[in-house]
Protein backbone atom coordinates (compact mmCIF):
# COMPACT_ATOMS: atom_id res chain seq x y z
CA MET A 1 127.42 96.90 108.26
CA MET A 2 127.31 98.05 104.67
CA ILE A 3 126.95 95.91 101.54
CA GLU A 4 127.50 97.29 98.07
CA THR A 5 126.14 96.13 94.72
CA GLY A 6 126.40 97.71 91.27
CA ARG A 7 123.65 100.27 91.89
CA LEU A 8 122.91 99.94 95.59
CA ILE A 9 124.25 100.28 99.08
CA LEU A 10 122.53 98.18 101.73
CA ARG A 11 123.11 99.69 105.15
CA HIS A 12 121.39 99.94 108.49
CA TRP A 13 118.65 102.52 108.86
CA HIS A 14 119.32 105.83 110.64
CA GLU A 15 116.70 108.02 112.32
CA SER A 16 117.76 110.74 109.88
CA ASP A 17 116.28 108.54 107.09
CA ALA A 18 112.74 109.13 108.39
CA LYS A 19 111.85 111.76 105.79
CA GLU A 20 112.88 109.53 102.86
CA LEU A 21 111.20 106.50 104.42
CA TYR A 22 107.94 108.41 104.84
CA LEU A 23 108.10 109.66 101.24
CA TYR A 24 107.75 106.08 99.94
CA ALA A 25 106.09 104.25 102.85
CA LYS A 26 103.06 106.57 102.96
CA ASP A 27 101.98 105.40 99.50
CA PRO A 28 99.00 103.00 99.83
CA SER A 29 100.34 101.05 96.82
CA VAL A 30 103.36 99.90 98.82
CA GLY A 31 102.62 98.72 102.36
CA PRO A 32 99.25 96.98 102.27
CA VAL A 33 100.25 94.49 99.53
CA ALA A 34 103.36 93.72 101.60
CA GLY A 35 101.37 93.32 104.82
CA TRP A 36 101.80 96.65 106.62
CA PRO A 37 99.78 99.88 106.78
CA PRO A 38 100.97 103.06 105.06
CA HIS A 39 103.02 105.34 107.29
CA THR A 40 101.05 108.31 108.59
CA SER A 41 103.82 110.84 109.33
CA ILE A 42 107.57 111.37 109.39
CA GLU A 43 107.40 110.66 113.13
CA ASP A 44 105.63 107.36 112.40
CA SER A 45 108.46 106.45 110.00
CA ARG A 46 111.06 107.46 112.61
CA GLU A 47 109.39 105.15 115.13
CA ILE A 48 109.43 102.27 112.61
CA ILE A 49 113.18 102.89 112.11
CA LYS A 50 113.75 102.78 115.88
CA THR A 51 111.72 99.62 116.41
CA VAL A 52 111.05 97.38 113.38
CA PHE A 53 113.96 98.49 111.18
CA SER A 54 116.48 98.30 114.03
CA ALA A 55 116.63 94.50 113.66
CA PRO A 56 120.21 93.30 112.97
CA GLU A 57 119.79 92.17 109.35
CA THR A 58 117.38 94.89 108.17
CA TYR A 59 118.80 97.22 105.55
CA ALA A 60 117.92 100.51 103.91
CA VAL A 61 118.14 100.01 100.16
CA VAL A 62 120.07 103.12 99.13
CA LEU A 63 120.26 104.03 95.46
CA LYS A 64 123.88 105.09 94.85
CA SER A 65 122.92 107.67 92.21
CA ILE A 66 120.91 109.73 94.72
CA GLY A 67 122.50 108.59 97.99
CA LYS A 68 119.15 108.08 99.74
CA PRO A 69 117.03 105.10 100.79
CA VAL A 70 114.32 104.09 98.32
CA GLY A 71 113.27 100.80 99.93
CA CYS A 72 114.05 98.14 102.48
CA ALA A 73 115.24 94.53 102.51
CA GLY A 74 115.95 92.31 105.45
CA LEU A 75 116.56 88.84 106.78
CA MET A 76 114.56 87.52 109.70
CA ILE A 77 116.51 84.63 111.14
CA GLY A 78 115.03 81.67 112.97
CA ARG A 79 112.44 82.58 115.58
CA HIS A 80 112.45 86.21 114.40
CA SER A 81 110.75 85.07 111.20
CA ASN A 82 106.99 85.18 110.69
CA LEU A 83 107.28 81.52 109.68
CA HIS A 84 108.73 80.23 113.00
CA LEU A 85 111.88 78.81 111.45
CA PRO A 86 114.83 76.94 112.97
CA ASP A 87 117.94 78.99 113.73
CA ASP A 88 119.71 77.93 110.52
CA GLU A 89 116.92 79.20 108.24
CA CYS A 90 115.73 82.72 107.46
CA GLU A 91 112.94 84.63 105.80
CA ILE A 92 113.58 87.57 103.52
CA GLY A 93 111.30 90.57 103.16
CA TYR A 94 111.57 93.57 100.88
CA TRP A 95 109.79 96.57 99.36
CA ILE A 96 110.70 99.57 97.23
CA GLY A 97 109.12 102.95 96.53
CA VAL A 98 106.77 103.21 93.54
CA PRO A 99 109.05 105.46 91.43
CA TYR A 100 111.63 102.64 91.43
CA TRP A 101 109.35 99.74 90.50
CA GLY A 102 110.37 97.68 87.50
CA GLN A 103 114.05 98.65 87.52
CA GLY A 104 115.40 95.38 88.99
CA LEU A 105 116.63 97.07 92.17
CA ILE A 106 114.93 94.74 94.64
CA PRO A 107 116.11 91.58 92.82
CA GLU A 108 119.63 93.09 93.01
CA ALA A 109 119.23 93.55 96.78
CA VAL A 110 117.70 90.10 97.27
CA VAL A 111 120.53 88.35 95.39
CA CYS A 112 123.02 90.23 97.57
CA LEU A 113 121.23 89.13 100.76
CA GLN A 114 121.05 85.55 99.50
CA ARG A 115 124.83 85.58 99.29
CA ARG A 116 125.04 87.04 102.80
CA ALA A 117 122.63 84.47 104.23
CA PHE A 118 124.19 81.40 102.65
CA ALA A 119 127.89 82.30 102.38
CA GLU A 120 128.36 84.46 105.48
CA LEU A 121 125.61 83.61 107.98
CA GLY A 122 125.51 79.84 107.35
CA MET A 123 121.80 79.60 106.58
CA LYS A 124 120.56 76.31 105.13
CA LYS A 125 117.28 77.67 103.71
CA MET A 126 115.78 81.01 102.83
CA TRP A 127 112.03 81.51 102.77
CA CYS A 128 109.97 84.23 101.16
CA GLY A 129 106.27 84.89 100.82
CA TYR A 130 103.80 87.18 99.17
CA PHE A 131 100.13 87.88 99.70
CA ASP A 132 97.54 87.08 97.05
CA GLY A 133 97.60 89.71 94.33
CA ASN A 134 101.16 90.95 94.96
CA HIS A 135 102.42 89.95 91.52
CA LYS A 136 105.50 92.18 91.74
CA SER A 137 106.76 90.35 94.82
CA ARG A 138 106.02 86.98 93.21
CA ARG A 139 108.06 88.05 90.18
CA VAL A 140 111.03 89.07 92.37
CA GLN A 141 110.98 85.62 93.95
CA GLU A 142 110.92 83.90 90.56
CA LYS A 143 113.81 86.05 89.26
CA CYS A 144 115.85 85.25 92.39
CA GLY A 145 115.51 81.47 92.17
CA PHE A 146 112.91 80.81 94.87
CA ARG A 147 110.74 77.72 94.34
CA TYR A 148 107.07 77.59 95.29
CA HIS A 149 106.56 75.61 98.50
CA HIS A 150 102.97 76.03 99.71
CA THR A 151 99.96 78.31 100.08
CA ASP A 152 98.60 79.37 103.46
CA ASN A 153 94.93 80.33 103.09
CA ASN A 154 94.72 81.45 106.72
CA ALA A 155 97.74 83.71 107.07
CA CYS A 156 97.41 86.13 109.97
CA ASN A 157 99.31 89.38 109.97
CA GLU A 158 100.00 91.46 113.07
CA PHE A 159 100.04 94.71 111.07
CA ILE A 160 96.96 94.29 108.85
CA SER A 161 93.76 92.90 110.34
CA GLY A 162 92.03 89.92 108.83
CA ILE A 163 93.04 86.68 107.22
CA ASN A 164 95.10 86.69 104.03
CA THR A 165 96.25 84.10 101.54
CA ALA A 166 100.04 83.87 101.49
CA HIS A 167 102.12 82.01 98.94
CA ILE A 168 105.39 80.76 100.40
CA SER A 169 108.51 79.93 98.42
CA CYS A 170 111.89 78.60 99.47
CA LEU A 171 115.48 78.38 98.33
CA SER A 172 117.91 75.91 99.87
CA LYS A 173 121.63 76.55 100.09
CA GLU A 174 122.18 73.62 97.71
CA GLN A 175 119.78 75.10 95.13
CA TRP A 176 121.45 78.51 95.52
CA LEU A 177 124.92 77.01 95.00
CA SER A 178 123.70 75.11 91.94
CA ASP A 179 122.15 78.30 90.53
CA GLN A 180 125.47 80.12 91.07
CA ILE A 181 127.34 77.47 89.09
CA ASN A 182 124.81 77.57 86.24
CA LYS A 183 124.90 81.37 85.84
């Protein structure tokens, strides 16, 4: 599966992407605010590709101009979500390497995956969350039409120990369709 946008290619991860993944995922500015620890080695990144990033709707965000992954975006459908959703709803997650912050690349990927979720996969709702202090992720959600739904002050995370505050937003298929008409 490969999806193309103006500047990006979204494709499945390959073990050969481990070096590029490690380059960005080792940065402590990236993972912890998104809920996962920095990668510790290329082998660690390779293992993440083989396990976590092997999920069906998880994509390497490849910048066309360099032909290499610079981030990740994915849909977690139904019970595969952290939010324990019904089968016709999904959660979206994303991150991008620090050198590419502020260029609108992740909103471009998210909009593309919204179209996939609603138009191709038949999802009725898409959920997204960010941890307290992750203003960049909050801004992506606002740009992409998500509406604030609730705050979870006791959010547990299997990758980072402790309790976090998570802000959850949502976009229904009807809202997405209406936003498409009004663009």
